[in-house]
N, C-alpha and C. Protein backbone atom coordinates (compact mmCIF):
# COMPACT_ATOMS: atom_id res chain seq x y z
N MET A 1 42.09 12.97 -17.24
CA MET A 1 42.40 12.46 -18.55
C MET A 1 41.45 13.11 -19.55
N PRO A 2 41.94 13.67 -20.65
CA PRO A 2 41.07 14.30 -21.64
C PRO A 2 40.20 13.25 -22.31
N ARG A 3 39.05 13.66 -22.72
CA ARG A 3 38.13 12.75 -23.39
C ARG A 3 38.62 12.46 -24.81
N MET A 4 38.52 11.19 -25.20
CA MET A 4 38.96 10.78 -26.54
C MET A 4 37.81 11.01 -27.52
N PRO A 5 38.11 11.39 -28.76
CA PRO A 5 37.04 11.58 -29.74
C PRO A 5 36.57 10.25 -30.32
N ARG A 6 35.43 9.78 -29.92
CA ARG A 6 34.74 8.62 -30.48
C ARG A 6 35.63 7.41 -30.78
N PRO A 7 36.26 6.81 -29.77
CA PRO A 7 37.08 5.62 -30.02
C PRO A 7 36.22 4.37 -30.13
N GLU A 8 36.82 3.32 -30.56
CA GLU A 8 36.17 2.01 -30.48
C GLU A 8 36.25 1.58 -29.02
N LEU A 9 35.36 0.71 -28.58
CA LEU A 9 35.31 0.28 -27.19
C LEU A 9 36.63 -0.36 -26.75
N ALA A 10 37.21 -1.20 -27.59
CA ALA A 10 38.47 -1.86 -27.23
C ALA A 10 39.58 -0.82 -27.04
N ASP A 11 39.62 0.19 -27.89
CA ASP A 11 40.62 1.26 -27.75
C ASP A 11 40.39 2.05 -26.46
N ALA A 12 39.14 2.31 -26.17
CA ALA A 12 38.80 3.08 -24.96
C ALA A 12 39.24 2.32 -23.72
N ARG A 13 39.03 1.02 -23.71
CA ARG A 13 39.45 0.21 -22.56
C ARG A 13 40.97 0.24 -22.38
N GLN A 14 41.70 0.26 -23.48
CA GLN A 14 43.17 0.34 -23.40
C GLN A 14 43.62 1.67 -22.79
N HIS A 15 42.77 2.68 -22.89
CA HIS A 15 43.08 4.00 -22.32
C HIS A 15 42.48 4.17 -20.91
N GLY A 16 42.04 3.06 -20.32
CA GLY A 16 41.54 3.11 -18.95
C GLY A 16 40.11 3.62 -18.80
N LEU A 17 39.37 3.65 -19.89
CA LEU A 17 37.97 4.08 -19.83
C LEU A 17 37.07 2.88 -19.59
N HIS A 18 35.91 3.14 -19.03
CA HIS A 18 34.99 2.07 -18.65
C HIS A 18 33.65 2.26 -19.34
N ASN A 19 33.02 1.15 -19.71
CA ASN A 19 31.65 1.26 -20.20
C ASN A 19 30.74 1.43 -18.99
N ILE A 20 29.46 1.61 -19.22
CA ILE A 20 28.54 1.91 -18.12
C ILE A 20 28.44 0.75 -17.11
N GLY A 21 28.50 -0.47 -17.60
CA GLY A 21 28.44 -1.62 -16.69
C GLY A 21 29.65 -1.66 -15.76
N GLN A 22 30.82 -1.40 -16.32
CA GLN A 22 32.03 -1.38 -15.49
C GLN A 22 32.00 -0.21 -14.51
N ALA A 23 31.55 0.97 -14.98
CA ALA A 23 31.45 2.13 -14.09
C ALA A 23 30.47 1.85 -12.95
N ALA A 24 29.39 1.15 -13.28
CA ALA A 24 28.40 0.80 -12.26
C ALA A 24 29.02 -0.13 -11.22
N GLN A 25 29.74 -1.12 -11.68
CA GLN A 25 30.37 -2.07 -10.77
C GLN A 25 31.43 -1.39 -9.90
N LEU A 26 32.24 -0.55 -10.49
CA LEU A 26 33.31 0.12 -9.75
C LEU A 26 32.78 1.15 -8.73
N SER A 27 31.69 1.81 -9.08
CA SER A 27 31.17 2.88 -8.22
C SER A 27 30.10 2.42 -7.24
N GLY A 28 29.46 1.29 -7.55
CA GLY A 28 28.35 0.83 -6.71
C GLY A 28 27.04 1.51 -7.05
N VAL A 29 26.98 2.19 -8.19
CA VAL A 29 25.77 2.88 -8.66
C VAL A 29 25.25 2.11 -9.87
N SER A 30 23.98 1.79 -9.89
CA SER A 30 23.44 1.02 -11.02
C SER A 30 23.52 1.81 -12.31
N ALA A 31 23.55 1.09 -13.43
CA ALA A 31 23.59 1.74 -14.73
C ALA A 31 22.38 2.65 -14.93
N LYS A 32 21.23 2.21 -14.45
CA LYS A 32 20.02 3.03 -14.57
C LYS A 32 20.19 4.36 -13.83
N MET A 33 20.76 4.30 -12.62
CA MET A 33 20.96 5.54 -11.85
C MET A 33 22.05 6.40 -12.48
N ILE A 34 23.06 5.79 -13.07
CA ILE A 34 24.09 6.57 -13.76
C ILE A 34 23.44 7.38 -14.88
N ARG A 35 22.59 6.73 -15.66
CA ARG A 35 21.90 7.46 -16.74
C ARG A 35 21.01 8.56 -16.16
N HIS A 36 20.36 8.28 -15.03
CA HIS A 36 19.52 9.31 -14.39
C HIS A 36 20.37 10.48 -13.92
N TYR A 37 21.47 10.21 -13.25
CA TYR A 37 22.34 11.28 -12.75
C TYR A 37 22.89 12.11 -13.92
N GLU A 38 23.14 11.46 -15.04
CA GLU A 38 23.57 12.19 -16.23
C GLU A 38 22.44 13.09 -16.72
N SER A 39 21.22 12.57 -16.75
CA SER A 39 20.09 13.34 -17.29
C SER A 39 19.76 14.56 -16.44
N ILE A 40 20.05 14.51 -15.13
CA ILE A 40 19.76 15.67 -14.27
C ILE A 40 20.99 16.53 -14.02
N GLY A 41 22.10 16.18 -14.64
CA GLY A 41 23.29 17.01 -14.56
C GLY A 41 24.20 16.80 -13.36
N LEU A 42 24.00 15.72 -12.59
CA LEU A 42 24.91 15.46 -11.47
C LEU A 42 26.28 14.99 -11.95
N ILE A 43 26.28 14.32 -13.08
CA ILE A 43 27.55 13.94 -13.70
C ILE A 43 27.54 14.52 -15.11
N PRO A 44 28.71 14.86 -15.62
CA PRO A 44 28.75 15.43 -16.97
C PRO A 44 28.42 14.36 -18.01
N PRO A 45 27.95 14.79 -19.17
CA PRO A 45 27.70 13.81 -20.22
C PRO A 45 29.01 13.09 -20.55
N PRO A 46 28.97 11.77 -20.60
CA PRO A 46 30.20 11.02 -20.86
C PRO A 46 30.59 11.09 -22.33
N SER A 47 31.85 10.81 -22.58
CA SER A 47 32.26 10.64 -23.98
C SER A 47 31.65 9.33 -24.45
N ARG A 48 31.68 9.11 -25.75
CA ARG A 48 31.06 7.91 -26.30
C ARG A 48 31.97 7.25 -27.32
N THR A 49 31.74 5.96 -27.48
CA THR A 49 32.48 5.24 -28.51
C THR A 49 31.89 5.60 -29.87
N PHE A 50 32.55 5.11 -30.90
CA PHE A 50 32.05 5.33 -32.25
C PHE A 50 30.63 4.77 -32.39
N ALA A 51 30.35 3.66 -31.68
CA ALA A 51 29.02 3.03 -31.72
C ALA A 51 28.03 3.69 -30.76
N GLY A 52 28.48 4.68 -30.00
CA GLY A 52 27.56 5.40 -29.12
C GLY A 52 27.52 4.92 -27.68
N TYR A 53 28.37 3.97 -27.31
CA TYR A 53 28.40 3.50 -25.93
C TYR A 53 29.03 4.57 -25.03
N ARG A 54 28.47 4.73 -23.83
CA ARG A 54 29.02 5.69 -22.88
C ARG A 54 30.37 5.21 -22.36
N LEU A 55 31.28 6.18 -22.14
CA LEU A 55 32.59 5.88 -21.59
C LEU A 55 32.86 6.76 -20.38
N TYR A 56 33.38 6.14 -19.33
CA TYR A 56 33.64 6.85 -18.08
C TYR A 56 35.10 6.70 -17.70
N ASN A 57 35.70 7.82 -17.26
CA ASN A 57 37.08 7.77 -16.79
C ASN A 57 37.08 7.62 -15.27
N GLU A 58 38.25 7.57 -14.67
CA GLU A 58 38.36 7.38 -13.22
C GLU A 58 37.70 8.52 -12.44
N ALA A 59 37.82 9.74 -12.96
CA ALA A 59 37.19 10.89 -12.28
C ALA A 59 35.67 10.74 -12.27
N ASP A 60 35.10 10.23 -13.36
CA ASP A 60 33.65 9.99 -13.42
C ASP A 60 33.23 8.95 -12.39
N VAL A 61 34.01 7.86 -12.31
CA VAL A 61 33.71 6.79 -11.35
C VAL A 61 33.83 7.33 -9.92
N HIS A 62 34.84 8.16 -9.67
CA HIS A 62 35.02 8.75 -8.34
C HIS A 62 33.83 9.64 -8.00
N ARG A 63 33.35 10.42 -8.95
CA ARG A 63 32.19 11.29 -8.74
C ARG A 63 30.94 10.45 -8.45
N LEU A 64 30.78 9.35 -9.17
CA LEU A 64 29.64 8.46 -8.92
C LEU A 64 29.72 7.86 -7.52
N SER A 65 30.91 7.49 -7.08
CA SER A 65 31.09 6.95 -5.73
C SER A 65 30.74 8.00 -4.68
N PHE A 66 31.13 9.23 -4.93
CA PHE A 66 30.80 10.35 -4.04
C PHE A 66 29.27 10.46 -3.91
N ILE A 67 28.59 10.44 -5.04
CA ILE A 67 27.12 10.55 -5.06
C ILE A 67 26.51 9.38 -4.29
N ARG A 68 27.01 8.17 -4.52
CA ARG A 68 26.46 6.98 -3.82
C ARG A 68 26.62 7.13 -2.31
N ARG A 69 27.79 7.58 -1.86
CA ARG A 69 28.01 7.74 -0.41
C ARG A 69 27.10 8.83 0.15
N ALA A 70 26.94 9.93 -0.58
CA ALA A 70 26.08 11.01 -0.12
C ALA A 70 24.62 10.55 -0.06
N ARG A 71 24.18 9.78 -1.05
CA ARG A 71 22.80 9.24 -1.03
C ARG A 71 22.65 8.27 0.15
N GLY A 72 23.68 7.50 0.43
CA GLY A 72 23.65 6.56 1.55
C GLY A 72 23.49 7.28 2.88
N LEU A 73 23.95 8.51 2.96
CA LEU A 73 23.78 9.31 4.18
C LEU A 73 22.48 10.10 4.17
N GLY A 74 21.67 9.90 3.13
CA GLY A 74 20.35 10.51 3.09
C GLY A 74 20.30 11.92 2.52
N PHE A 75 21.39 12.39 1.93
CA PHE A 75 21.35 13.72 1.32
C PHE A 75 20.43 13.69 0.11
N SER A 76 19.69 14.78 -0.09
CA SER A 76 18.80 14.90 -1.24
C SER A 76 19.64 15.21 -2.49
N ILE A 77 19.03 15.08 -3.63
CA ILE A 77 19.71 15.39 -4.89
C ILE A 77 20.16 16.86 -4.86
N ARG A 78 19.29 17.75 -4.39
CA ARG A 78 19.65 19.17 -4.32
C ARG A 78 20.86 19.39 -3.41
N GLN A 79 20.87 18.71 -2.28
CA GLN A 79 22.01 18.83 -1.36
C GLN A 79 23.28 18.25 -1.99
N ILE A 80 23.14 17.16 -2.72
CA ILE A 80 24.29 16.55 -3.38
C ILE A 80 24.84 17.48 -4.45
N GLU A 81 23.95 18.16 -5.17
CA GLU A 81 24.41 19.15 -6.15
C GLU A 81 25.29 20.20 -5.47
N ALA A 82 24.82 20.68 -4.32
CA ALA A 82 25.60 21.68 -3.58
C ALA A 82 26.92 21.10 -3.10
N LEU A 83 26.89 19.88 -2.57
CA LEU A 83 28.13 19.24 -2.11
C LEU A 83 29.11 19.02 -3.25
N LEU A 84 28.60 18.60 -4.39
CA LEU A 84 29.48 18.41 -5.55
C LEU A 84 30.09 19.74 -5.99
N GLY A 85 29.29 20.80 -5.95
CA GLY A 85 29.81 22.11 -6.29
C GLY A 85 30.93 22.53 -5.35
N LEU A 86 30.75 22.23 -4.07
CA LEU A 86 31.79 22.55 -3.08
C LEU A 86 33.02 21.66 -3.28
N TRP A 87 32.78 20.39 -3.59
CA TRP A 87 33.89 19.46 -3.81
C TRP A 87 34.72 19.88 -5.02
N ASP A 88 34.03 20.35 -6.06
CA ASP A 88 34.72 20.79 -7.28
C ASP A 88 35.47 22.10 -7.08
N ASP A 89 35.04 22.91 -6.11
CA ASP A 89 35.64 24.22 -5.87
C ASP A 89 36.79 24.10 -4.87
N ARG A 90 38.00 24.09 -5.36
CA ARG A 90 39.16 23.91 -4.48
C ARG A 90 39.41 25.14 -3.62
N THR A 91 38.72 26.26 -3.88
CA THR A 91 38.89 27.46 -3.05
C THR A 91 37.76 27.60 -2.03
N ARG A 92 36.96 26.55 -1.90
CA ARG A 92 35.81 26.58 -0.99
C ARG A 92 36.27 26.77 0.46
N ALA A 93 35.34 27.25 1.26
CA ALA A 93 35.56 27.30 2.71
C ALA A 93 34.84 26.10 3.31
N SER A 94 35.48 25.40 4.21
CA SER A 94 34.86 24.21 4.80
C SER A 94 33.62 24.57 5.61
N VAL A 95 33.48 25.82 6.00
CA VAL A 95 32.30 26.24 6.76
C VAL A 95 31.01 25.96 5.98
N GLU A 96 31.07 26.09 4.66
CA GLU A 96 29.89 25.82 3.84
C GLU A 96 29.54 24.34 3.85
N VAL A 97 30.54 23.50 3.79
CA VAL A 97 30.32 22.05 3.83
C VAL A 97 29.72 21.68 5.18
N LYS A 98 30.28 22.22 6.24
CA LYS A 98 29.77 21.91 7.57
C LYS A 98 28.34 22.41 7.74
N ARG A 99 28.04 23.59 7.20
CA ARG A 99 26.68 24.14 7.30
C ARG A 99 25.68 23.20 6.63
N LEU A 100 26.03 22.72 5.44
CA LEU A 100 25.16 21.78 4.73
C LEU A 100 24.97 20.49 5.52
N ALA A 101 26.06 19.95 6.03
CA ALA A 101 25.98 18.70 6.80
C ALA A 101 25.17 18.89 8.07
N GLN A 102 25.37 20.00 8.77
CA GLN A 102 24.63 20.23 10.01
C GLN A 102 23.14 20.42 9.75
N ALA A 103 22.80 21.08 8.66
CA ALA A 103 21.38 21.23 8.30
C ALA A 103 20.77 19.86 8.06
N HIS A 104 21.52 18.97 7.43
CA HIS A 104 21.02 17.62 7.17
C HIS A 104 20.88 16.84 8.48
N VAL A 105 21.83 17.01 9.39
CA VAL A 105 21.73 16.37 10.72
C VAL A 105 20.45 16.82 11.41
N ASP A 106 20.16 18.11 11.35
CA ASP A 106 18.94 18.65 11.99
C ASP A 106 17.68 18.07 11.35
N GLU A 107 17.68 17.94 10.01
CA GLU A 107 16.53 17.34 9.32
C GLU A 107 16.35 15.89 9.76
N LEU A 108 17.44 15.15 9.85
CA LEU A 108 17.37 13.74 10.28
C LEU A 108 16.83 13.63 11.69
N ALA A 109 17.28 14.52 12.58
CA ALA A 109 16.80 14.49 13.97
C ALA A 109 15.30 14.74 14.03
N ALA A 110 14.81 15.67 13.23
CA ALA A 110 13.37 15.95 13.20
C ALA A 110 12.60 14.74 12.68
N LYS A 111 13.12 14.09 11.65
CA LYS A 111 12.46 12.90 11.11
C LYS A 111 12.45 11.78 12.14
N ILE A 112 13.54 11.63 12.86
CA ILE A 112 13.61 10.60 13.91
C ILE A 112 12.57 10.89 14.98
N ASP A 113 12.45 12.16 15.39
CA ASP A 113 11.43 12.54 16.38
C ASP A 113 10.03 12.17 15.88
N GLU A 114 9.75 12.48 14.62
CA GLU A 114 8.43 12.17 14.06
C GLU A 114 8.19 10.66 14.01
N MET A 115 9.21 9.91 13.63
CA MET A 115 9.05 8.46 13.56
C MET A 115 8.89 7.85 14.95
N GLN A 116 9.58 8.39 15.93
CA GLN A 116 9.41 7.89 17.30
C GLN A 116 8.01 8.21 17.81
N ALA A 117 7.48 9.36 17.43
CA ALA A 117 6.10 9.70 17.81
C ALA A 117 5.12 8.72 17.16
N MET A 118 5.35 8.40 15.90
CA MET A 118 4.48 7.42 15.23
C MET A 118 4.58 6.06 15.91
N GLN A 119 5.80 5.68 16.29
CA GLN A 119 6.00 4.40 16.96
C GLN A 119 5.24 4.36 18.28
N ARG A 120 5.34 5.44 19.06
CA ARG A 120 4.62 5.47 20.35
C ARG A 120 3.12 5.37 20.15
N THR A 121 2.59 6.07 19.16
CA THR A 121 1.16 6.03 18.90
C THR A 121 0.74 4.62 18.51
N LEU A 122 1.46 4.02 17.58
CA LEU A 122 1.11 2.67 17.14
C LEU A 122 1.27 1.65 18.26
N GLN A 123 2.30 1.82 19.05
CA GLN A 123 2.51 0.90 20.18
C GLN A 123 1.34 1.02 21.16
N HIS A 124 0.94 2.25 21.45
CA HIS A 124 -0.18 2.48 22.36
C HIS A 124 -1.47 1.87 21.81
N LEU A 125 -1.73 2.06 20.51
CA LEU A 125 -2.93 1.50 19.90
C LEU A 125 -2.89 -0.02 19.89
N ALA A 126 -1.74 -0.59 19.59
CA ALA A 126 -1.61 -2.04 19.57
C ALA A 126 -1.84 -2.63 20.96
N GLN A 127 -1.39 -1.93 22.00
CA GLN A 127 -1.60 -2.41 23.36
C GLN A 127 -3.08 -2.37 23.73
N ARG A 128 -3.82 -1.43 23.18
CA ARG A 128 -5.25 -1.30 23.47
C ARG A 128 -6.10 -2.30 22.70
N CYS A 129 -5.53 -2.86 21.64
CA CYS A 129 -6.27 -3.81 20.80
C CYS A 129 -6.24 -5.18 21.46
N HIS A 130 -7.40 -5.83 21.56
CA HIS A 130 -7.47 -7.16 22.18
C HIS A 130 -6.85 -8.23 21.29
N GLY A 131 -6.90 -8.04 19.99
CA GLY A 131 -6.30 -9.02 19.08
C GLY A 131 -6.99 -10.36 19.14
N ASP A 132 -8.30 -10.35 19.33
CA ASP A 132 -9.05 -11.61 19.41
C ASP A 132 -10.10 -11.66 18.31
N ASP A 133 -11.14 -12.44 18.52
CA ASP A 133 -12.18 -12.62 17.50
C ASP A 133 -13.21 -11.51 17.48
N ARG A 134 -13.14 -10.58 18.44
CA ARG A 134 -14.11 -9.49 18.48
C ARG A 134 -13.85 -8.51 17.33
N PRO A 135 -14.90 -7.89 16.81
CA PRO A 135 -14.72 -6.96 15.71
C PRO A 135 -14.19 -5.58 16.15
N GLU A 136 -14.34 -5.27 17.44
CA GLU A 136 -13.89 -3.96 17.92
C GLU A 136 -12.36 -3.88 17.81
N CYS A 137 -11.88 -2.76 17.26
CA CYS A 137 -10.44 -2.60 17.11
C CYS A 137 -10.07 -1.13 17.28
N PRO A 138 -9.38 -0.79 18.36
CA PRO A 138 -9.00 0.60 18.57
C PRO A 138 -8.06 1.14 17.48
N ILE A 139 -7.32 0.26 16.84
CA ILE A 139 -6.42 0.71 15.77
C ILE A 139 -7.24 1.23 14.60
N LEU A 140 -8.20 0.42 14.15
CA LEU A 140 -9.05 0.85 13.04
C LEU A 140 -9.91 2.04 13.43
N ASP A 141 -10.41 2.04 14.67
CA ASP A 141 -11.21 3.18 15.14
C ASP A 141 -10.39 4.46 15.08
N ASN A 142 -9.14 4.39 15.49
CA ASN A 142 -8.29 5.57 15.46
C ASN A 142 -8.02 6.03 14.04
N LEU A 143 -7.73 5.09 13.15
CA LEU A 143 -7.46 5.45 11.76
C LEU A 143 -8.69 6.06 11.10
N ALA A 144 -9.87 5.60 11.49
CA ALA A 144 -11.11 6.12 10.92
C ALA A 144 -11.54 7.44 11.54
N SER A 145 -10.97 7.79 12.68
CA SER A 145 -11.34 9.01 13.39
C SER A 145 -10.86 10.24 12.64
N THR A 146 -11.64 11.31 12.74
CA THR A 146 -11.23 12.56 12.10
C THR A 146 -10.31 13.38 13.00
N THR A 147 -10.32 13.10 14.30
CA THR A 147 -9.41 13.77 15.23
C THR A 147 -8.78 12.73 16.14
N PRO A 148 -7.51 12.88 16.46
CA PRO A 148 -6.87 11.90 17.34
C PRO A 148 -7.47 11.95 18.74
N ALA A 149 -7.59 10.79 19.34
CA ALA A 149 -8.12 10.69 20.70
C ALA A 149 -7.12 11.27 21.69
N ALA A 150 -7.59 11.63 22.88
CA ALA A 150 -6.72 12.20 23.91
C ALA A 150 -5.60 11.24 24.27
N ASP A 151 -5.90 9.93 24.28
CA ASP A 151 -4.86 8.96 24.59
C ASP A 151 -3.73 9.02 23.57
N ASP A 152 -4.07 9.23 22.31
CA ASP A 152 -3.05 9.30 21.27
C ASP A 152 -2.18 10.53 21.45
N ALA A 153 -2.75 11.61 21.88
CA ALA A 153 -1.98 12.84 22.09
C ALA A 153 -0.93 12.62 23.17
N ARG A 154 -1.27 11.81 24.18
CA ARG A 154 -0.28 11.52 25.22
C ARG A 154 0.79 10.56 24.70
N ALA A 155 0.38 9.64 23.84
CA ALA A 155 1.32 8.64 23.34
C ALA A 155 2.32 9.24 22.36
N ALA A 156 1.89 10.23 21.61
CA ALA A 156 2.77 10.80 20.59
C ALA A 156 2.60 12.31 20.52
N PRO A 157 3.68 13.05 20.59
CA PRO A 157 3.55 14.49 20.47
C PRO A 157 3.09 14.87 19.08
N GLY A 158 2.32 15.93 19.00
CA GLY A 158 1.84 16.41 17.71
C GLY A 158 2.92 17.17 16.97
N ARG A 159 2.58 17.57 15.76
CA ARG A 159 3.53 18.30 14.91
C ARG A 159 3.99 19.58 15.59
N ASP A 160 3.09 20.28 16.32
CA ASP A 160 3.48 21.51 17.01
C ASP A 160 4.56 21.25 18.05
N GLU A 161 4.40 20.17 18.80
CA GLU A 161 5.40 19.85 19.81
C GLU A 161 6.74 19.47 19.16
N ILE A 162 6.68 18.77 18.06
CA ILE A 162 7.91 18.40 17.35
C ILE A 162 8.60 19.66 16.84
N GLN A 163 7.82 20.58 16.27
CA GLN A 163 8.41 21.83 15.78
C GLN A 163 9.03 22.61 16.94
N HIS A 164 8.36 22.61 18.09
CA HIS A 164 8.89 23.30 19.27
C HIS A 164 10.22 22.66 19.69
N ARG A 165 10.30 21.35 19.68
CA ARG A 165 11.55 20.66 20.05
C ARG A 165 12.68 21.04 19.10
N LYS A 166 12.36 21.14 17.79
CA LYS A 166 13.39 21.52 16.82
C LYS A 166 13.91 22.92 17.09
N ARG A 167 13.02 23.83 17.45
CA ARG A 167 13.46 25.21 17.73
C ARG A 167 14.30 25.28 18.99
N MET A 168 14.08 24.38 19.93
CA MET A 168 14.79 24.41 21.21
C MET A 168 16.22 23.87 21.09
N ARG A 169 16.53 23.18 19.98
CA ARG A 169 17.88 22.62 19.81
C ARG A 169 18.89 23.70 19.54
């Protein structure tokens, strides 16, 4: 739908346009984030009413929903920009979309490996802590240490091992 030149809000609504609150409700993206996405160029600048209120058409709401779903899957703003560019390009090759998605899958797997390593380290330290009235605490001792103890190295692989695992995939 072409953008209308500065209508009144009531006229805009009759033409199926939405103010920012309605666009937020329909897309699941907060008004604050809609303004942010506009400021960084993820969505085009909206048309405005005579009084300056932002107006969004169905295509804008659909684009906002796309962004919300992509953010929900953990894609970065940069990745979403690329995905939106591919979505807008009807002559795109799906291989590019798959490449972007697979790269994100690999990033998520690496983050999961790192978080599991952190979990194992913390679990190991918590098991070593007596949790009583004594002041000795292996958790605090470890955090205060400048180098991880040998026990911690067994409990959680270091960054080098994680990088090695990523290369082996």
